[in-house]
C-alpha atoms as a PDB file:
ATOM      1  CA  MET A   1      47.717  82.376  89.471  1.00  0.00           C
ATOM      2  CA  ALA A   2      47.778  80.119  86.411  1.00  0.00           C
ATOM      3  CA  ASP A   3      48.020  83.191  84.157  1.00  0.00           C
ATOM      4  CA  ARG A   4      51.647  83.665  85.214  1.00  0.00           C
ATOM      5  CA  PRO A   5      54.529  81.441  86.334  1.00  0.00           C
ATOM      6  CA  LEU A   6      54.756  80.416  89.984  1.00  0.00           C
ATOM      7  CA  ARG A   7      57.412  82.448  91.786  1.00  0.00           C
ATOM      8  CA  LEU A   8      59.246  79.681  93.610  1.00  0.00           C
ATOM      9  CA  ALA A   9      61.958  80.142  96.241  1.00  0.00           C
ATOM     10  CA  ILE A  10      64.079  77.681  98.180  1.00  0.00           C
ATOM     11  CA  ALA A  11      65.055  77.885 101.838  1.00  0.00           C
ATOM     12  CA  GLY A  12      68.220  75.947 102.630  1.00  0.00           C
ATOM     13  CA  VAL A  13      70.796  74.941 100.016  1.00  0.00           C
ATOM     14  CA  GLY A  14      72.778  72.283 101.837  1.00  0.00           C
ATOM     15  CA  ARG A  15      73.263  68.752 100.518  1.00  0.00           C
ATOM     16  CA  MET A  16      69.596  68.102  99.671  1.00  0.00           C
ATOM     17  CA  GLY A  17      68.677  71.724  99.049  1.00  0.00           C
ATOM     18  CA  ALA A  18      71.249  72.040  96.273  1.00  0.00           C
ATOM     19  CA  VAL A  19      69.591  69.120  94.450  1.00  0.00           C
ATOM     20  CA  HIS A  20      66.158  70.717  94.737  1.00  0.00           C
ATOM     21  CA  ALA A  21      67.571  74.078  93.620  1.00  0.00           C
ATOM     22  CA  LEU A  22      68.939  72.409  90.488  1.00  0.00           C
ATOM     23  CA  HIS A  23      65.499  71.025  89.666  1.00  0.00           C
ATOM     24  CA  ILE A  24      63.794  74.374  90.269  1.00  0.00           C
ATOM     25  CA  ALA A  25      66.200  76.022  87.826  1.00  0.00           C
ATOM     26  CA  GLU A  26      65.654  73.271  85.253  1.00  0.00           C
ATOM     27  CA  LEU A  27      61.878  73.281  85.569  1.00  0.00           C
ATOM     28  CA  ALA A  28      61.796  77.067  85.161  1.00  0.00           C
ATOM     29  CA  ARG A  29      63.839  76.869  81.964  1.00  0.00           C
ATOM     30  CA  GLU A  30      62.138  73.806  80.500  1.00  0.00           C
ATOM     31  CA  THR A  31      58.467  74.500  81.163  1.00  0.00           C
ATOM     32  CA  GLY A  32      57.995  78.155  82.033  1.00  0.00           C
ATOM     33  CA  LYS A  33      55.543  77.045  84.746  1.00  0.00           C
ATOM     34  CA  CYS A  34      57.685  78.588  87.443  1.00  0.00           C
ATOM     35  CA  GLN A  35      60.457  81.087  87.879  1.00  0.00           C
ATOM     36  CA  PHE A  36      63.304  80.806  90.357  1.00  0.00           C
ATOM     37  CA  ALA A  37      62.448  83.667  92.693  1.00  0.00           C
ATOM     38  CA  ALA A  38      64.941  83.609  95.583  1.00  0.00           C
ATOM     39  CA  ILE A  39      67.241  81.652  97.887  1.00  0.00           C
ATOM     40  CA  ALA A  40      67.340  81.883 101.676  1.00  0.00           C
ATOM     41  CA  ASP A  41      70.227  80.424 103.652  1.00  0.00           C
ATOM     42  CA  ILE A  42      72.068  81.468 106.780  1.00  0.00           C
ATOM     43  CA  ASP A  43      75.284  81.081 104.737  1.00  0.00           C
ATOM     44  CA  VAL A  44      74.676  83.837 102.202  1.00  0.00           C
ATOM     45  CA  GLU A  45      77.948  83.297 100.349  1.00  0.00           C
ATOM     46  CA  LYS A  46      77.177  79.614  99.854  1.00  0.00           C
ATOM     47  CA  ALA A  47      73.720  80.537  98.554  1.00  0.00           C
ATOM     48  CA  ARG A  48      75.297  82.942  96.077  1.00  0.00           C
ATOM     49  CA  ARG A  49      77.683  80.246  94.887  1.00  0.00           C
ATOM     50  CA  VAL A  50      74.748  77.874  94.326  1.00  0.00           C
ATOM     51  CA  ALA A  51      72.901  80.547  92.346  1.00  0.00           C
ATOM     52  CA  ALA A  52      75.978  81.293  90.243  1.00  0.00           C
ATOM     53  CA  LYS A  53      76.553  77.606  89.523  1.00  0.00           C
ATOM     54  CA  LEU A  54      72.948  77.265  88.361  1.00  0.00           C
ATOM     55  CA  GLY A  55      73.169  80.409  86.285  1.00  0.00           C
ATOM     56  CA  VAL A  56      70.267  82.131  88.048  1.00  0.00           C
ATOM     57  CA  ASP A  57      70.204  85.776  89.081  1.00  0.00           C
ATOM     58  CA  VAL A  58      67.999  85.811  92.178  1.00  0.00           C
ATOM     59  CA  PRO A  59      67.927  87.713  95.467  1.00  0.00           C
ATOM     60  CA  VAL A  60      69.597  85.912  98.355  1.00  0.00           C
ATOM     61  CA  PHE A  61      68.242  86.292 101.899  1.00  0.00           C
ATOM     62  CA  HIS A  62      70.021  85.476 105.146  1.00  0.00           C
ATOM     63  CA  SER A  63      66.861  84.147 106.802  1.00  0.00           C
ATOM     64  CA  VAL A  64      63.442  82.681 106.088  1.00  0.00           C
ATOM     65  CA  ASP A  65      61.892  85.663 107.878  1.00  0.00           C
ATOM     66  CA  ALA A  66      63.546  88.009 105.402  1.00  0.00           C
ATOM     67  CA  LEU A  67      62.361  85.878 102.487  1.00  0.00           C
ATOM     68  CA  ALA A  68      58.787  85.758 103.816  1.00  0.00           C
ATOM     69  CA  SER A  69      58.707  89.520 104.373  1.00  0.00           C
ATOM     70  CA  SER A  70      60.092  90.328 100.934  1.00  0.00           C
ATOM     71  CA  GLY A  71      57.008  89.263  98.973  1.00  0.00           C
ATOM     72  CA  VAL A  72      59.152  88.014  96.072  1.00  0.00           C
ATOM     73  CA  ALA A  73      57.773  84.444  96.118  1.00  0.00           C
ATOM     74  CA  ASP A  74      54.393  82.685  95.930  1.00  0.00           C
ATOM     75  CA  ALA A  75      55.730  79.371  97.273  1.00  0.00           C
ATOM     76  CA  THR A  76      58.882  78.027  98.912  1.00  0.00           C
ATOM     77  CA  PHE A  77      60.622  74.674  99.105  1.00  0.00           C
ATOM     78  CA  VAL A  78      61.751  74.320 102.752  1.00  0.00           C
ATOM     79  CA  VAL A  79      64.963  72.294 103.043  1.00  0.00           C
ATOM     80  CA  THR A  80      66.269  73.723 106.307  1.00  0.00           C
ATOM     81  CA  PRO A  81      67.235  71.528 109.318  1.00  0.00           C
ATOM     82  CA  THR A  82      64.351  69.356 110.507  1.00  0.00           C
ATOM     83  CA  SER A  83      64.102  71.151 113.854  1.00  0.00           C
ATOM     84  CA  LEU A  84      63.279  74.367 111.960  1.00  0.00           C
ATOM     85  CA  HIS A  85      60.723  72.981 109.495  1.00  0.00           C
ATOM     86  CA  ARG A  86      57.705  73.968 111.559  1.00  0.00           C
ATOM     87  CA  GLU A  87      58.942  77.472 112.366  1.00  0.00           C
ATOM     88  CA  HIS A  88      59.935  78.193 108.777  1.00  0.00           C
ATOM     89  CA  ALA A  89      56.846  76.677 107.169  1.00  0.00           C
ATOM     90  CA  ALA A  90      54.551  78.552 109.560  1.00  0.00           C
ATOM     91  CA  ARG A  91      56.281  81.867 108.818  1.00  0.00           C
ATOM     92  CA  LEU A  92      55.962  81.380 105.067  1.00  0.00           C
ATOM     93  CA  ILE A  93      52.324  80.275 105.302  1.00  0.00           C
ATOM     94  CA  ALA A  94      51.528  83.348 107.410  1.00  0.00           C
ATOM     95  CA  ALA A  95      52.975  85.412 104.553  1.00  0.00           C
ATOM     96  CA  GLY A  96      50.489  83.797 102.149  1.00  0.00           C
ATOM     97  CA  GLN A  97      52.747  81.177 100.611  1.00  0.00           C
ATOM     98  CA  ARG A  98      52.273  77.456 100.004  1.00  0.00           C
ATOM     99  CA  VAL A  99      55.136  75.234 101.122  1.00  0.00           C
ATOM    100  CA  LEU A 100      56.827  72.065  99.915  1.00  0.00           C
ATOM    101  CA  ALA A 101      58.693  70.747 102.955  1.00  0.00           C
ATOM    102  CA  GLU A 102      61.344  68.076 103.152  1.00  0.00           C
ATOM    103  CA  LYS A 103      60.562  65.245 105.537  1.00  0.00           C
ATOM    104  CA  PRO A 104      60.122  64.795 108.455  1.00  0.00           C
ATOM    105  CA  LEU A 105      57.430  67.324 109.231  1.00  0.00           C
ATOM    106  CA  THR A 106      58.917  68.488 112.564  1.00  0.00           C
ATOM    107  CA  GLY A 107      61.152  65.630 113.747  1.00  0.00           C
ATOM    108  CA  THR A 108      59.074  64.627 116.786  1.00  0.00           C
ATOM    109  CA  LEU A 109      55.732  62.906 117.155  1.00  0.00           C
ATOM    110  CA  GLU A 110      54.274  65.544 119.466  1.00  0.00           C
ATOM    111  CA  GLY A 111      55.565  68.286 117.191  1.00  0.00           C
ATOM    112  CA  ASP A 112      53.941  66.607 114.193  1.00  0.00           C
ATOM    113  CA  ARG A 113      50.653  66.279 116.083  1.00  0.00           C
ATOM    114  CA  GLU A 114      50.620  69.905 117.207  1.00  0.00           C
ATOM    115  CA  PHE A 115      51.584  71.299 113.809  1.00  0.00           C
ATOM    116  CA  SER A 116      49.080  69.053 112.013  1.00  0.00           C
ATOM    117  CA  ARG A 117      46.278  70.228 114.308  1.00  0.00           C
ATOM    118  CA  ALA A 118      47.202  73.848 113.626  1.00  0.00           C
ATOM    119  CA  LEU A 119      47.369  73.263 109.866  1.00  0.00           C
ATOM    120  CA  ASP A 120      44.065  71.352 109.809  1.00  0.00           C
ATOM    121  CA  ARG A 121      42.421  74.210 111.680  1.00  0.00           C
ATOM    122  CA  ASP A 122      43.879  77.199 109.838  1.00  0.00           C
ATOM    123  CA  HIS A 123      45.716  76.164 106.653  1.00  0.00           C
ATOM    124  CA  PRO A 124      44.690  72.624 105.618  1.00  0.00           C
ATOM    125  CA  HIS A 125      45.995  72.905 102.043  1.00  0.00           C
ATOM    126  CA  SER A 126      49.206  74.857 102.561  1.00  0.00           C
ATOM    127  CA  VAL A 127      51.840  72.140 103.019  1.00  0.00           C
ATOM    128  CA  MET A 128      52.984  69.375 100.694  1.00  0.00           C
ATOM    129  CA  LEU A 129      55.414  66.913 102.274  1.00  0.00           C
ATOM    130  CA  ALA A 130      58.268  65.629 100.127  1.00  0.00           C
ATOM    131  CA  PHE A 131      57.753  61.872  99.864  1.00  0.00           C
ATOM    132  CA  GLN A 132      59.494  61.404  96.523  1.00  0.00           C
ATOM    133  CA  ARG A 133      58.938  57.632  96.322  1.00  0.00           C
ATOM    134  CA  ARG A 134      55.322  58.317  95.365  1.00  0.00           C
ATOM    135  CA  TYR A 135      56.670  59.876  92.154  1.00  0.00           C
ATOM    136  CA  ASP A 136      59.226  57.168  91.350  1.00  0.00           C
ATOM    137  CA  ALA A 137      58.411  55.457  88.036  1.00  0.00           C
ATOM    138  CA  PRO A 138      59.566  51.931  89.085  1.00  0.00           C
ATOM    139  CA  LEU A 139      57.537  52.031  92.306  1.00  0.00           C
ATOM    140  CA  ARG A 140      54.488  53.459  90.533  1.00  0.00           C
ATOM    141  CA  TYR A 141      54.678  50.610  88.026  1.00  0.00           C
ATOM    142  CA  ALA A 142      54.952  48.053  90.842  1.00  0.00           C
ATOM    143  CA  ARG A 143      51.975  49.646  92.587  1.00  0.00           C
ATOM    144  CA  GLN A 144      49.923  49.280  89.417  1.00  0.00           C
ATOM    145  CA  LEU A 145      50.935  45.616  89.057  1.00  0.00           C
ATOM    146  CA  MET A 146      49.923  45.107  92.676  1.00  0.00           C
ATOM    147  CA  ALA A 147      46.563  46.828  92.125  1.00  0.00           C
ATOM    148  CA  ASP A 148      45.977  44.696  89.015  1.00  0.00           C
ATOM    149  CA  GLY A 149      46.276  41.591  91.202  1.00  0.00           C
ATOM    150  CA  ILE A 150      49.149  40.130  89.197  1.00  0.00           C
ATOM    151  CA  VAL A 151      50.526  38.342  92.292  1.00  0.00           C
ATOM    152  CA  GLY A 152      47.205  37.717  94.029  1.00  0.00           C
ATOM    153  CA  ARG A 153      46.497  38.855  97.575  1.00  0.00           C
ATOM    154  CA  VAL A 154      49.506  40.675  99.016  1.00  0.00           C
ATOM    155  CA  PHE A 155      50.471  39.412 102.474  1.00  0.00           C
ATOM    156  CA  LYS A 156      53.963  40.891 103.006  1.00  0.00           C
ATOM    157  CA  ILE A 157      56.048  43.812 101.795  1.00  0.00           C
ATOM    158  CA  TYR A 158      59.786  44.102 102.409  1.00  0.00           C
ATOM    159  CA  SER A 159      61.379  47.529 101.931  1.00  0.00           C
ATOM    160  CA  ALA A 160      65.121  48.198 102.300  1.00  0.00           C
ATOM    161  CA  LEU A 161      67.066  51.462 102.353  1.00  0.00           C
ATOM    162  CA  GLU A 162      70.802  51.196 103.001  1.00  0.00           C
ATOM    163  CA  ASP A 163      73.421  53.931 102.688  1.00  0.00           C
ATOM    164  CA  SER A 164      77.016  53.117 101.809  1.00  0.00           C
ATOM    165  CA  ASN A 165      78.396  55.625 104.314  1.00  0.00           C
ATOM    166  CA  PRO A 166      77.508  57.066 107.709  1.00  0.00           C
ATOM    167  CA  ALA A 167      75.540  60.276 108.016  1.00  0.00           C
ATOM    168  CA  PRO A 168      77.880  63.213 107.262  1.00  0.00           C
ATOM    169  CA  ASP A 169      79.815  64.927 110.045  1.00  0.00           C
ATOM    170  CA  GLY A 170      77.590  67.482 111.727  1.00  0.00           C
ATOM    171  CA  TYR A 171      74.368  66.033 110.304  1.00  0.00           C
ATOM    172  CA  GLN A 172      71.380  66.414 112.634  1.00  0.00           C
ATOM    173  CA  SER A 173      69.424  63.175 113.004  1.00  0.00           C
ATOM    174  CA  ASP A 174      66.597  62.307 115.366  1.00  0.00           C
ATOM    175  CA  GLY A 175      67.498  58.626 115.001  1.00  0.00           C
ATOM    176  CA  ILE A 176      67.946  56.244 112.118  1.00  0.00           C
ATOM    177  CA  LEU A 177      64.290  55.190 112.082  1.00  0.00           C
ATOM    178  CA  PRO A 178      62.744  58.698 112.093  1.00  0.00           C
ATOM    179  CA  ASP A 179      65.389  59.984 109.682  1.00  0.00           C
ATOM    180  CA  MET A 180      65.601  57.109 107.189  1.00  0.00           C
ATOM    181  CA  SER A 181      62.641  54.774 107.520  1.00  0.00           C
ATOM    182  CA  VAL A 182      60.072  57.567 107.175  1.00  0.00           C
ATOM    183  CA  HIS A 183      60.403  57.061 103.399  1.00  0.00           C
ATOM    184  CA  ASN A 184      59.890  53.303 103.684  1.00  0.00           C
ATOM    185  CA  VAL A 185      56.945  53.688 106.038  1.00  0.00           C
ATOM    186  CA  ASP A 186      55.218  56.153 103.721  1.00  0.00           C
ATOM    187  CA  GLU A 187      55.900  53.782 100.824  1.00  0.00           C
ATOM    188  CA  ILE A 188      54.193  50.921 102.691  1.00  0.00           C
ATOM    189  CA  LEU A 189      51.182  53.074 103.636  1.00  0.00           C
ATOM    190  CA  TRP A 190      50.941  54.362 100.040  1.00  0.00           C
ATOM    191  CA  LEU A 191      51.211  50.875  98.524  1.00  0.00           C
ATOM    192  CA  THR A 192      48.678  49.268 100.868  1.00  0.00           C
ATOM    193  CA  GLY A 193      46.357  52.161 101.707  1.00  0.00           C
ATOM    194  CA  LYS A 194      46.311  50.868 105.302  1.00  0.00           C
ATOM    195  CA  MET A 195      47.675  51.731 108.721  1.00  0.00           C
ATOM    196  CA  PRO A 196      49.262  48.906 110.739  1.00  0.00           C
ATOM    197  CA  ARG A 197      47.794  47.842 114.079  1.00  0.00           C
ATOM    198  CA  THR A 198      51.145  47.151 115.816  1.00  0.00           C
ATOM    199  CA  ALA A 199      54.832  47.821 115.272  1.00  0.00           C
ATOM    200  CA  ALA A 200      58.171  46.873 116.799  1.00  0.00           C
ATOM    201  CA  ALA A 201      61.801  47.719 116.054  1.00  0.00           C
ATOM    202  CA  ILE A 202      65.264  46.241 116.436  1.00  0.00           C
ATOM    203  CA  GLY A 203      68.373  48.424 116.407  1.00  0.00           C
ATOM    204  CA  SER A 204      72.144  47.982 116.544  1.00  0.00           C
ATOM    205  CA  ARG A 205      75.365  49.976 116.396  1.00  0.00           C
ATOM    206  CA  ILE A 206      77.570  47.863 114.194  1.00  0.00           C
ATOM    207  CA  HIS A 207      80.054  49.847 112.118  1.00  0.00           C
ATOM    208  CA  SER A 208      79.500  53.310 110.651  1.00  0.00           C
ATOM    209  CA  HIS A 209      78.527  55.103 113.881  1.00  0.00           C
ATOM    210  CA  ALA A 210      82.239  55.229 114.740  1.00  0.00           C
ATOM    211  CA  LEU A 211      83.103  57.017 111.477  1.00  0.00           C
ATOM    212  CA  THR A 212      81.118  60.247 111.902  1.00  0.00           C
ATOM    213  CA  THR A 213      80.479  63.035 114.371  1.00  0.00           C
ATOM    214  CA  CYS A 214      76.740  62.610 113.733  1.00  0.00           C
ATOM    215  CA  ARG A 215      75.225  61.034 116.817  1.00  0.00           C
ATOM    216  CA  GLU A 216      72.451  58.528 116.075  1.00  0.00           C
ATOM    217  CA  ASP A 217      70.850  55.868 118.239  1.00  0.00           C
ATOM    218  CA  PHE A 218      71.703  53.079 115.769  1.00  0.00           C
ATOM    219  CA  ASP A 219      73.441  52.644 112.433  1.00  0.00           C
ATOM    220  CA  ASP A 220      71.348  49.579 111.529  1.00  0.00           C
ATOM    221  CA  ALA A 221      67.684  48.888 112.285  1.00  0.00           C
ATOM    222  CA  MET A 222      64.564  46.963 111.328  1.00  0.00           C
ATOM    223  CA  LEU A 223      60.946  48.030 111.747  1.00  0.00           C
ATOM    224  CA  LEU A 224      58.244  45.341 111.727  1.00  0.00           C
ATOM    225  CA  LEU A 225      54.586  46.177 111.038  1.00  0.00           C
ATOM    226  CA  TRP A 226      51.460  44.032 111.412  1.00  0.00           C
ATOM    227  CA  PHE A 227      48.078  44.847 109.838  1.00  0.00           C
ATOM    228  CA  GLU A 228      44.514  43.874 110.791  1.00  0.00           C
ATOM    229  CA  ASP A 229      44.187  41.546 107.768  1.00  0.00           C
ATOM    230  CA  GLU A 230      47.195  39.515 109.017  1.00  0.00           C
ATOM    231  CA  SER A 231      49.512  40.962 106.376  1.00  0.00           C
ATOM    232  CA  GLN A 232      52.806  42.473 107.478  1.00  0.00           C
ATOM    233  CA  ALA A 233      55.684  44.680 106.388  1.00  0.00           C
ATOM    234  CA  GLN A 234      59.398  44.501 107.130  1.00  0.00           C
ATOM    235  CA  ILE A 235      61.539  47.621 106.813  1.00  0.00           C
ATOM    236  CA  GLN A 236      65.334  47.529 106.912  1.00  0.00           C
ATOM    237  CA  VAL A 237      67.481  50.671 107.135  1.00  0.00           C
ATOM    238  CA  SER A 238      71.238  50.895 107.504  1.00  0.00           C
ATOM    239  CA  ARG A 239      74.281  53.155 107.132  1.00  0.00           C
ATOM    240  CA  ASN A 240      76.509  50.109 106.584  1.00  0.00           C
ATOM    241  CA  HIS A 241      76.026  48.933 102.970  1.00  0.00           C
ATOM    242  CA  VAL A 242      79.586  49.839 102.036  1.00  0.00           C
ATOM    243  CA  SER A 243      79.324  48.502  98.470  1.00  0.00           C
ATOM    244  CA  GLY A 244      76.878  51.225  97.459  1.00  0.00           C
ATOM    245  CA  TYR A 245      73.401  52.641  97.924  1.00  0.00           C
ATOM    246  CA  ARG A 246      70.776  49.885  98.120  1.00  0.00           C
ATOM    247  CA  VAL A 247      67.050  50.385  97.659  1.00  0.00           C
ATOM    248  CA  GLU A 248      64.827  47.329  97.211  1.00  0.00           C
ATOM    249  CA  THR A 249      61.143  46.575  97.632  1.00  0.00           C
ATOM    250  CA  ILE A 250      59.637  43.092  97.417  1.00  0.00           C
ATOM    251  CA  ILE A 251      55.868  42.607  97.349  1.00  0.00           C
ATOM    252  CA  PHE A 252      54.847  39.055  98.283  1.00  0.00           C
ATOM    253  CA  GLY A 253      51.497  37.717  97.123  1.00  0.00           C
ATOM    254  CA  THR A 254      49.622  34.438  97.133  1.00  0.00           C
ATOM    255  CA  GLU A 255      50.449  33.935  93.435  1.00  0.00           C
ATOM    256  CA  GLY A 256      53.974  35.339  93.235  1.00  0.00           C
ATOM    257  CA  GLN A 257      56.094  38.382  94.006  1.00  0.00           C
ATOM    258  CA  ILE A 258      57.035  41.777  92.576  1.00  0.00           C
ATOM    259  CA  HIS A 259      60.653  42.841  93.005  1.00  0.00           C
ATOM    260  CA  VAL A 260      61.669  46.501  92.593  1.00  0.00           C
ATOM    261  CA  GLY A 261      65.404  47.108  92.324  1.00  0.00           C
ATOM    262  CA  ARG A 262      68.308  44.845  93.163  1.00  0.00           C
ATOM    263  CA  PHE A 263      71.821  45.763  94.159  1.00  0.00           C
ATOM    264  CA  ASP A 264      74.436  45.194  91.456  1.00  0.00           C
ATOM    265  CA  GLN A 265      76.443  48.467  91.540  1.00  0.00           C
ATOM    266  CA  ARG A 266      74.523  49.845  88.546  1.00  0.00           C
ATOM    267  CA  PRO A 267      72.500  52.399  90.487  1.00  0.00           C
ATOM    268  CA  ARG A 268      70.733  53.958  87.496  1.00  0.00           C
ATOM    269  CA  ASP A 269      69.284  50.737  86.030  1.00  0.00           C
ATOM    270  CA  ILE A 270      66.235  49.801  88.100  1.00  0.00           C
ATOM    271  CA  THR A 271      64.580  46.495  87.285  1.00  0.00           C
ATOM    272  CA  VAL A 272      60.977  45.741  88.157  1.00  0.00           C
ATOM    273  CA  GLU A 273      60.062  42.083  87.736  1.00  0.00           C
ATOM    274  CA  ALA A 274      57.138  39.954  88.797  1.00  0.00           C
ATOM    275  CA  TYR A 275      57.339  36.187  89.155  1.00  0.00           C
ATOM    276  CA  GLY A 276      54.545  33.680  89.529  1.00  0.00           C
ATOM    277  CA  ARG A 277      54.516  30.406  91.355  1.00  0.00           C
ATOM    278  CA  ARG A 278      57.415  27.985  91.125  1.00  0.00           C
ATOM    279  CA  GLY A 279      57.512  26.154  87.816  1.00  0.00           C
ATOM    280  CA  ARG A 280      56.462  29.069  85.627  1.00  0.00           C
ATOM    281  CA  SER A 281      59.260  29.652  83.106  1.00  0.00           C
ATOM    282  CA  GLU A 282      58.550  33.269  82.143  1.00  0.00           C
ATOM    283  CA  PRO A 283      58.201  36.278  84.460  1.00  0.00           C
ATOM    284  CA  LEU A 284      54.768  37.824  84.823  1.00  0.00           C
ATOM    285  CA  ALA A 285      56.301  41.238  84.143  1.00  0.00           C
ATOM    286  CA  HIS A 286      59.772  42.610  83.461  1.00  0.00           C
ATOM    287  CA  ARG A 287      60.777  46.214  82.860  1.00  0.00           C
ATOM    288  CA  VAL A 288      63.994  48.177  83.301  1.00  0.00           C
ATOM    289  CA  PHE A 289      63.863  51.869  84.167  1.00  0.00           C
ATOM    290  CA  THR A 290      67.014  53.870  83.438  1.00  0.00           C
ATOM    291  CA  MET A 291      67.481  56.770  85.800  1.00  0.00           C
ATOM    292  CA  ARG A 292      69.054  60.069  84.800  1.00  0.00           C
ATOM    293  CA  ASP A 293      72.826  60.532  84.728  1.00  0.00           C
ATOM    294  CA  TYR A 294      73.379  63.961  86.288  1.00  0.00           C
ATOM    295  CA  GLY A 295      76.979  64.006  85.124  1.00  0.00           C
ATOM    296  CA  SER A 296      78.263  65.483  88.359  1.00  0.00           C
ATOM    297  CA  GLU A 297      79.090  64.449  91.902  1.00  0.00           C
ATOM    298  CA  LEU A 298      75.843  64.409  93.876  1.00  0.00           C
ATOM    299  CA  PRO A 299      74.684  62.443  96.931  1.00  0.00           C
ATOM    300  CA  GLU A 300      74.284  58.758  96.071  1.00  0.00           C
ATOM    301  CA  PHE A 301      70.508  58.753  96.497  1.00  0.00           C
ATOM    302  CA  VAL A 302      70.162  61.150  93.551  1.00  0.00           C
ATOM    303  CA  ASP A 303      71.266  58.372  91.164  1.00  0.00           C
ATOM    304  CA  ARG A 304      68.232  56.379  92.259  1.00  0.00           C
ATOM    305  CA  PHE A 305      65.600  59.030  92.897  1.00  0.00           C
ATOM    306  CA  GLY A 306      66.650  62.103  90.881  1.00  0.00           C
ATOM    307  CA  PRO A 307      63.742  61.935  88.401  1.00  0.00           C
ATOM    308  CA  ALA A 308      61.294  61.334  91.268  1.00  0.00           C
ATOM    309  CA  TYR A 309      62.481  64.482  93.059  1.00  0.00           C
ATOM    310  CA  LYS A 310      61.897  66.486  89.891  1.00  0.00           C
ATOM    311  CA  ALA A 311      58.464  64.931  89.240  1.00  0.00           C
ATOM    312  CA  GLU A 312      57.475  65.706  92.828  1.00  0.00           C
ATOM    313  CA  LEU A 313      58.481  69.337  92.353  1.00  0.00           C
ATOM    314  CA  GLU A 314      56.530  69.614  89.101  1.00  0.00           C
ATOM    315  CA  GLU A 315      53.369  68.331  90.773  1.00  0.00           C
ATOM    316  CA  PHE A 316      53.821  70.889  93.543  1.00  0.00           C
ATOM    317  CA  VAL A 317      54.096  73.672  90.960  1.00  0.00           C
ATOM    318  CA  ASP A 318      51.065  72.411  89.010  1.00  0.00           C
ATOM    319  CA  ARG A 319      48.890  72.236  92.124  1.00  0.00           C
ATOM    320  CA  CYS A 320      49.962  75.651  93.301  1.00  0.00           C
ATOM    321  CA  LEU A 321      49.070  77.110  89.910  1.00  0.00           C
ATOM    322  CA  SER A 322      45.689  75.376  89.832  1.00  0.00           C
ATOM    323  CA  GLY A 323      44.890  75.937  93.508  1.00  0.00           C
ATOM    324  CA  GLN A 324      44.324  72.201  94.047  1.00  0.00           C
ATOM    325  CA  PRO A 325      45.007  70.367  97.321  1.00  0.00           C
ATOM    326  CA  PHE A 326      48.245  68.385  97.478  1.00  0.00           C
ATOM    327  CA  SER A 327      48.269  64.600  97.165  1.00  0.00           C
ATOM    328  CA  SER A 328      50.912  64.242  99.909  1.00  0.00           C
ATOM    329  CA  THR A 329      50.405  66.430 102.965  1.00  0.00           C
ATOM    330  CA  HIS A 330      51.325  66.992 106.599  1.00  0.00           C
ATOM    331  CA  ARG A 331      48.821  64.269 107.485  1.00  0.00           C
ATOM    332  CA  ASP A 332      50.935  61.685 105.650  1.00  0.00           C
ATOM    333  CA  GLY A 333      53.987  62.831 107.577  1.00  0.00           C
ATOM    334  CA  LEU A 334      52.111  62.473 110.846  1.00  0.00           C
ATOM    335  CA  ARG A 335      50.873  58.976 109.941  1.00  0.00           C
ATOM    336  CA  ALA A 336      54.420  57.837 109.130  1.00  0.00           C
ATOM    337  CA  GLN A 337      55.705  59.280 112.396  1.00  0.00           C
ATOM    338  CA  GLU A 338      52.908  57.564 114.362  1.00  0.00           C
ATOM    339  CA  VAL A 339      54.039  54.223 112.927  1.00  0.00           C
ATOM    340  CA  ILE A 340      57.731  54.849 113.620  1.00  0.00           C
ATOM    341  CA  SER A 341      57.048  56.029 117.162  1.00  0.00           C
ATOM    342  CA  ALA A 342      54.976  52.916 117.868  1.00  0.00           C
ATOM    343  CA  GLY A 343      57.869  50.786 116.686  1.00  0.00           C
ATOM    344  CA  MET A 344      60.416  52.709 118.747  1.00  0.00           C
ATOM    345  CA  ALA A 345      58.245  52.327 121.842  1.00  0.00           C
ATOM    346  CA  ALA A 346      58.828  48.580 121.484  1.00  0.00           C
ATOM    347  CA  VAL A 347      62.466  48.782 120.349  1.00  0.00           C
ATOM    348  CA  ILE A 348      64.943  46.055 121.184  1.00  0.00           C
ATOM    349  CA  GLY A 349      68.403  47.596 121.295  1.00  0.00           C
ATOM    350  CA  GLU A 350      71.735  45.879 120.884  1.00  0.00           C
ATOM    351  CA  GLY A 351      72.185  43.136 123.467  1.00  0.00           C
ATOM    352  CA  GLN A 352      68.654  43.439 124.855  1.00  0.00           C
ATOM    353  CA  GLY A 353      67.184  40.226 123.451  1.00  0.00           C
ATOM    354  CA  SER A 354      66.730  36.969 125.351  1.00  0.00           C
ATOM    355  CA  ARG A 355      70.053  35.332 126.216  1.00  0.00           C
ATOM    356  CA  VAL A 356      70.921  32.238 124.195  1.00  0.00           C
ATOM    357  CA  SER A 357      72.123  29.427 126.420  1.00  0.00           C
ATOM    358  CA  SER A 358      74.778  26.954 125.261  1.00  0.00           C
ATOM    359  CA  GLN A 359      74.842  23.308 126.193  1.00  0.00           C
END
């Protein structure tokens, strides 16, 4: 296939799909590696508006079935509702396509297990799962510092993801941990190369749940992970950081710490710094990554991860053209869901802790 551009379609052009559609159009123009082949969305008029805004003349289909049957694409980016990921990916794969699917894989642990077994048996190299943090330049730099041993043996990682607003009205969520922390969990597994032995979660409904029609179990939660080597991870997710989108990762080691990002209402300037033991006057490392200014109103997470989304897409295109396996697959989605489900099995909800007695 490398002798011609990859014919790349997108299924679903809602909030996230519109961002991915923008990157497909850009990558097609900038590199010639791919061509924007088609859009599928149940709202055909919306899909046509997206195409017109991007300046692309492509066929628009009312369903993924129609797209799969048309034969106009070699690969499709699936950004439909989570509950439809499996159905849509399977239909496209059956039509001979490779698929880049937004997370989560299916939205349930049993669904992930069943779909992963089917993919491993019949189509082991057909699905790439969209874990964009693996393509984020600040996190990749931090991972290299960690691998270089700059802070010694790592014994704890803290990863935070906090939205400034509730999930949009009508948004379909399987819970704040499956919906949000899947990115943090994959980040931890990617950074450490290990699966935890135990997990537990704490959840609360504090503020933003009352401001949306989206029904979630919690609007604030923590997921705690423990590993066999006595290291641990702490994941914090929230819809309540009203001052702006917050993404931070802190890697604690025996000789110092690596800090990725810090909230200061400058979402496109991401600082990565490493500090040694107390008393050292200079940082071990310091670098500022400036994210892209898209110059238009997009979801707040695009300010932070826009370039990572595009880099992820480019790797998908390159591996489709070369026929190589993907570096992030359905198996990674299943592993993340296994961790989250273990934590939720031991969840402590609001008011369920031990009562504090007063004297």
